[in-house]
């Protein structure tokens, strides 16, 4: 499955200057890692996947357009899926990317 190249470029723009950023193809798209921990991923044409942690995920699911991420039949605790409609503006995308970066940056490096 191809991923949204323009969306990946927008994420790169937000990540410009962030420490220890690497990219890796996974989950049918392109993942952005901070110190080896996944922060955010472009999921084909389905929007993005953001790692925010279990506590933040519950609140964000109630107050935003995000839904719990599902991989196969498994609901991923601490991960949110944000569809293209939830990424309406550059600032909204930047907020999601920063959330993922903040959480990934709080984890021990891999």
C-alpha atoms as a PDB file:
ATOM      1  CA  UNK A   1       0.000   0.000   0.000  1.00  0.00           C
ATOM      2  CA  UNK A   2       1.343   3.421  -0.923  1.00  0.00           C
ATOM      3  CA  UNK A   3       1.294   6.186   1.635  1.00  0.00           C
ATOM      4  CA  UNK A   4       0.473   9.870   1.205  1.00  0.00           C
ATOM      5  CA  UNK A   5       3.774  11.431   0.136  1.00  0.00           C
ATOM      6  CA  UNK A   6       2.560  14.990   0.689  1.00  0.00           C
ATOM      7  CA  UNK A   7       1.465  14.149   4.230  1.00  0.00           C
ATOM      8  CA  UNK A   8       4.859  12.538   4.907  1.00  0.00           C
ATOM      9  CA  UNK A   9       6.549  15.738   3.705  1.00  0.00           C
ATOM     10  CA  UNK A  10       4.338  17.844   5.993  1.00  0.00           C
ATOM     11  CA  UNK A  11       5.328  15.656   8.942  1.00  0.00           C
ATOM     12  CA  UNK A  12       9.006  16.015   7.988  1.00  0.00           C
ATOM     13  CA  UNK A  13       8.523  19.785   8.080  1.00  0.00           C
ATOM     14  CA  UNK A  14       7.088  19.636  11.592  1.00  0.00           C
ATOM     15  CA  UNK A  15       9.922  17.331  12.693  1.00  0.00           C
ATOM     16  CA  UNK A  16      12.650  19.533  11.253  1.00  0.00           C
ATOM     17  CA  UNK A  17      15.147  20.066  14.046  1.00  0.00           C
ATOM     18  CA  UNK A  18      13.751  17.353  16.337  1.00  0.00           C
ATOM     19  CA  UNK A  19      16.538  15.227  17.806  1.00  0.00           C
ATOM     20  CA  UNK A  20      17.230  11.653  16.698  1.00  0.00           C
ATOM     21  CA  UNK A  21      14.485  11.379  14.046  1.00  0.00           C
ATOM     22  CA  UNK A  22      14.603   8.352  11.769  1.00  0.00           C
ATOM     23  CA  UNK A  23      12.144   7.070   9.198  1.00  0.00           C
ATOM     24  CA  UNK A  24      11.106   3.479   8.629  1.00  0.00           C
ATOM     25  CA  UNK A  25       8.580   1.820   6.362  1.00  0.00           C
ATOM     26  CA  UNK A  26       6.118  -0.151   8.474  1.00  0.00           C
ATOM     27  CA  UNK A  27       2.376  -0.562   9.103  1.00  0.00           C
ATOM     28  CA  UNK A  28       1.731  -0.136   5.380  1.00  0.00           C
ATOM     29  CA  UNK A  29       3.175   3.363   5.463  1.00  0.00           C
ATOM     30  CA  UNK A  30       6.043   5.449   6.737  1.00  0.00           C
ATOM     31  CA  UNK A  31       6.887   5.723  10.438  1.00  0.00           C
ATOM     32  CA  UNK A  32       8.828   8.492  12.138  1.00  0.00           C
ATOM     33  CA  UNK A  33      10.856   7.429  15.142  1.00  0.00           C
ATOM     34  CA  UNK A  34      12.391   9.435  17.988  1.00  0.00           C
ATOM     35  CA  UNK A  35      15.365   7.661  19.592  1.00  0.00           C
ATOM     36  CA  UNK A  36      14.059   4.410  18.081  1.00  0.00           C
ATOM     37  CA  UNK A  37      10.516   4.825  19.456  1.00  0.00           C
ATOM     38  CA  UNK A  38       7.657   5.299  17.025  1.00  0.00           C
ATOM     39  CA  UNK A  39       6.099   8.745  17.357  1.00  0.00           C
ATOM     40  CA  UNK A  40       3.859   9.112  14.307  1.00  0.00           C
ATOM     41  CA  UNK A  41       3.196   7.189  11.098  1.00  0.00           C
ATOM     42  CA  UNK A  42       1.513   7.901   7.793  1.00  0.00           C
ATOM     43  CA  UNK A  43      -0.934   5.020   7.251  1.00  0.00           C
ATOM     44  CA  UNK A  44      -1.494   4.656   3.552  1.00  0.00           C
ATOM     45  CA  UNK A  45      -4.319   7.003   2.623  1.00  0.00           C
ATOM     46  CA  UNK A  46      -5.986   6.514   6.024  1.00  0.00           C
ATOM     47  CA  UNK A  47      -4.349   9.452   7.814  1.00  0.00           C
ATOM     48  CA  UNK A  48      -1.882   9.052  10.646  1.00  0.00           C
ATOM     49  CA  UNK A  49      -1.139   6.871  13.636  1.00  0.00           C
ATOM     50  CA  UNK A  50       0.115   8.708  16.742  1.00  0.00           C
ATOM     51  CA  UNK A  51       1.604   7.233  19.903  1.00  0.00           C
ATOM     52  CA  UNK A  52       0.378   9.229  22.904  1.00  0.00           C
ATOM     53  CA  UNK A  53       0.317   6.733  25.786  1.00  0.00           C
ATOM     54  CA  UNK A  54      -2.714   5.076  27.393  1.00  0.00           C
ATOM     55  CA  UNK A  55      -3.738   7.916  29.717  1.00  0.00           C
ATOM     56  CA  UNK A  56      -3.625  10.606  27.041  1.00  0.00           C
ATOM     57  CA  UNK A  57      -5.353   8.331  24.512  1.00  0.00           C
ATOM     58  CA  UNK A  58      -8.523   8.084  26.596  1.00  0.00           C
ATOM     59  CA  UNK A  59      -8.871  11.862  26.944  1.00  0.00           C
ATOM     60  CA  UNK A  60      -7.974  12.606  23.314  1.00  0.00           C
ATOM     61  CA  UNK A  61     -10.414  10.028  22.042  1.00  0.00           C
ATOM     62  CA  UNK A  62     -13.200  11.778  23.973  1.00  0.00           C
ATOM     63  CA  UNK A  63     -12.240  15.320  22.946  1.00  0.00           C
ATOM     64  CA  UNK A  64     -10.908  15.047  19.363  1.00  0.00           C
ATOM     65  CA  UNK A  65     -11.583  13.279  16.078  1.00  0.00           C
ATOM     66  CA  UNK A  66      -9.089  10.548  17.025  1.00  0.00           C
ATOM     67  CA  UNK A  67     -10.055   6.912  17.509  1.00  0.00           C
ATOM     68  CA  UNK A  68      -8.156   4.035  19.095  1.00  0.00           C
ATOM     69  CA  UNK A  69      -5.757   2.508  16.607  1.00  0.00           C
ATOM     70  CA  UNK A  70      -6.523  -1.032  15.538  1.00  0.00           C
ATOM     71  CA  UNK A  71      -3.967  -3.406  14.014  1.00  0.00           C
ATOM     72  CA  UNK A  72      -5.674  -6.505  12.691  1.00  0.00           C
ATOM     73  CA  UNK A  73      -8.072  -7.468  15.466  1.00  0.00           C
ATOM     74  CA  UNK A  74      -6.028  -5.823  18.222  1.00  0.00           C
ATOM     75  CA  UNK A  75      -6.879  -2.431  19.723  1.00  0.00           C
ATOM     76  CA  UNK A  76      -3.575  -0.684  20.414  1.00  0.00           C
ATOM     77  CA  UNK A  77      -3.465   0.870  23.898  1.00  0.00           C
ATOM     78  CA  UNK A  78      -1.908   4.317  23.794  1.00  0.00           C
ATOM     79  CA  UNK A  79      -2.113   4.683  20.034  1.00  0.00           C
ATOM     80  CA  UNK A  80      -4.582   6.832  18.114  1.00  0.00           C
ATOM     81  CA  UNK A  81      -5.674   6.904  14.495  1.00  0.00           C
ATOM     82  CA  UNK A  82      -6.516  10.265  12.998  1.00  0.00           C
ATOM     83  CA  UNK A  83      -8.202  10.143   9.609  1.00  0.00           C
ATOM     84  CA  UNK A  84      -7.701  12.742   6.892  1.00  0.00           C
ATOM     85  CA  UNK A  85     -10.761  14.674   8.096  1.00  0.00           C
ATOM     86  CA  UNK A  86      -9.146  15.116  11.520  1.00  0.00           C
ATOM     87  CA  UNK A  87      -6.041  16.654   9.929  1.00  0.00           C
ATOM     88  CA  UNK A  88      -7.764  19.655   8.436  1.00  0.00           C
ATOM     89  CA  UNK A  89      -5.099  22.299   8.956  1.00  0.00           C
ATOM     90  CA  UNK A  90      -1.316  22.376   9.155  1.00  0.00           C
ATOM     91  CA  UNK A  91      -1.599  23.424  12.799  1.00  0.00           C
ATOM     92  CA  UNK A  92      -3.819  20.424  13.628  1.00  0.00           C
ATOM     93  CA  UNK A  93      -1.307  18.077  12.027  1.00  0.00           C
ATOM     94  CA  UNK A  94       1.551  19.805  13.865  1.00  0.00           C
ATOM     95  CA  UNK A  95      -0.259  19.363  17.212  1.00  0.00           C
ATOM     96  CA  UNK A  96      -0.651  15.630  16.591  1.00  0.00           C
ATOM     97  CA  UNK A  97       2.963  15.242  15.515  1.00  0.00           C
ATOM     98  CA  UNK A  98       4.175  17.134  18.595  1.00  0.00           C
ATOM     99  CA  UNK A  99       2.067  14.878  20.831  1.00  0.00           C
ATOM    100  CA  UNK A 100       3.694  11.814  19.306  1.00  0.00           C
ATOM    101  CA  UNK A 101       7.178  13.325  19.552  1.00  0.00           C
ATOM    102  CA  UNK A 102       6.638  14.318  23.171  1.00  0.00           C
ATOM    103  CA  UNK A 103       5.506  10.831  24.123  1.00  0.00           C
ATOM    104  CA  UNK A 104       8.208   8.999  22.139  1.00  0.00           C
ATOM    105  CA  UNK A 105      10.819  11.356  23.573  1.00  0.00           C
ATOM    106  CA  UNK A 106       9.723  10.455  27.107  1.00  0.00           C
ATOM    107  CA  UNK A 107      10.530   6.779  26.534  1.00  0.00           C
ATOM    108  CA  UNK A 108      13.958   5.165  27.000  1.00  0.00           C
ATOM    109  CA  UNK A 109      15.983   5.129  23.756  1.00  0.00           C
ATOM    110  CA  UNK A 110      16.088   1.853  21.862  1.00  0.00           C
END
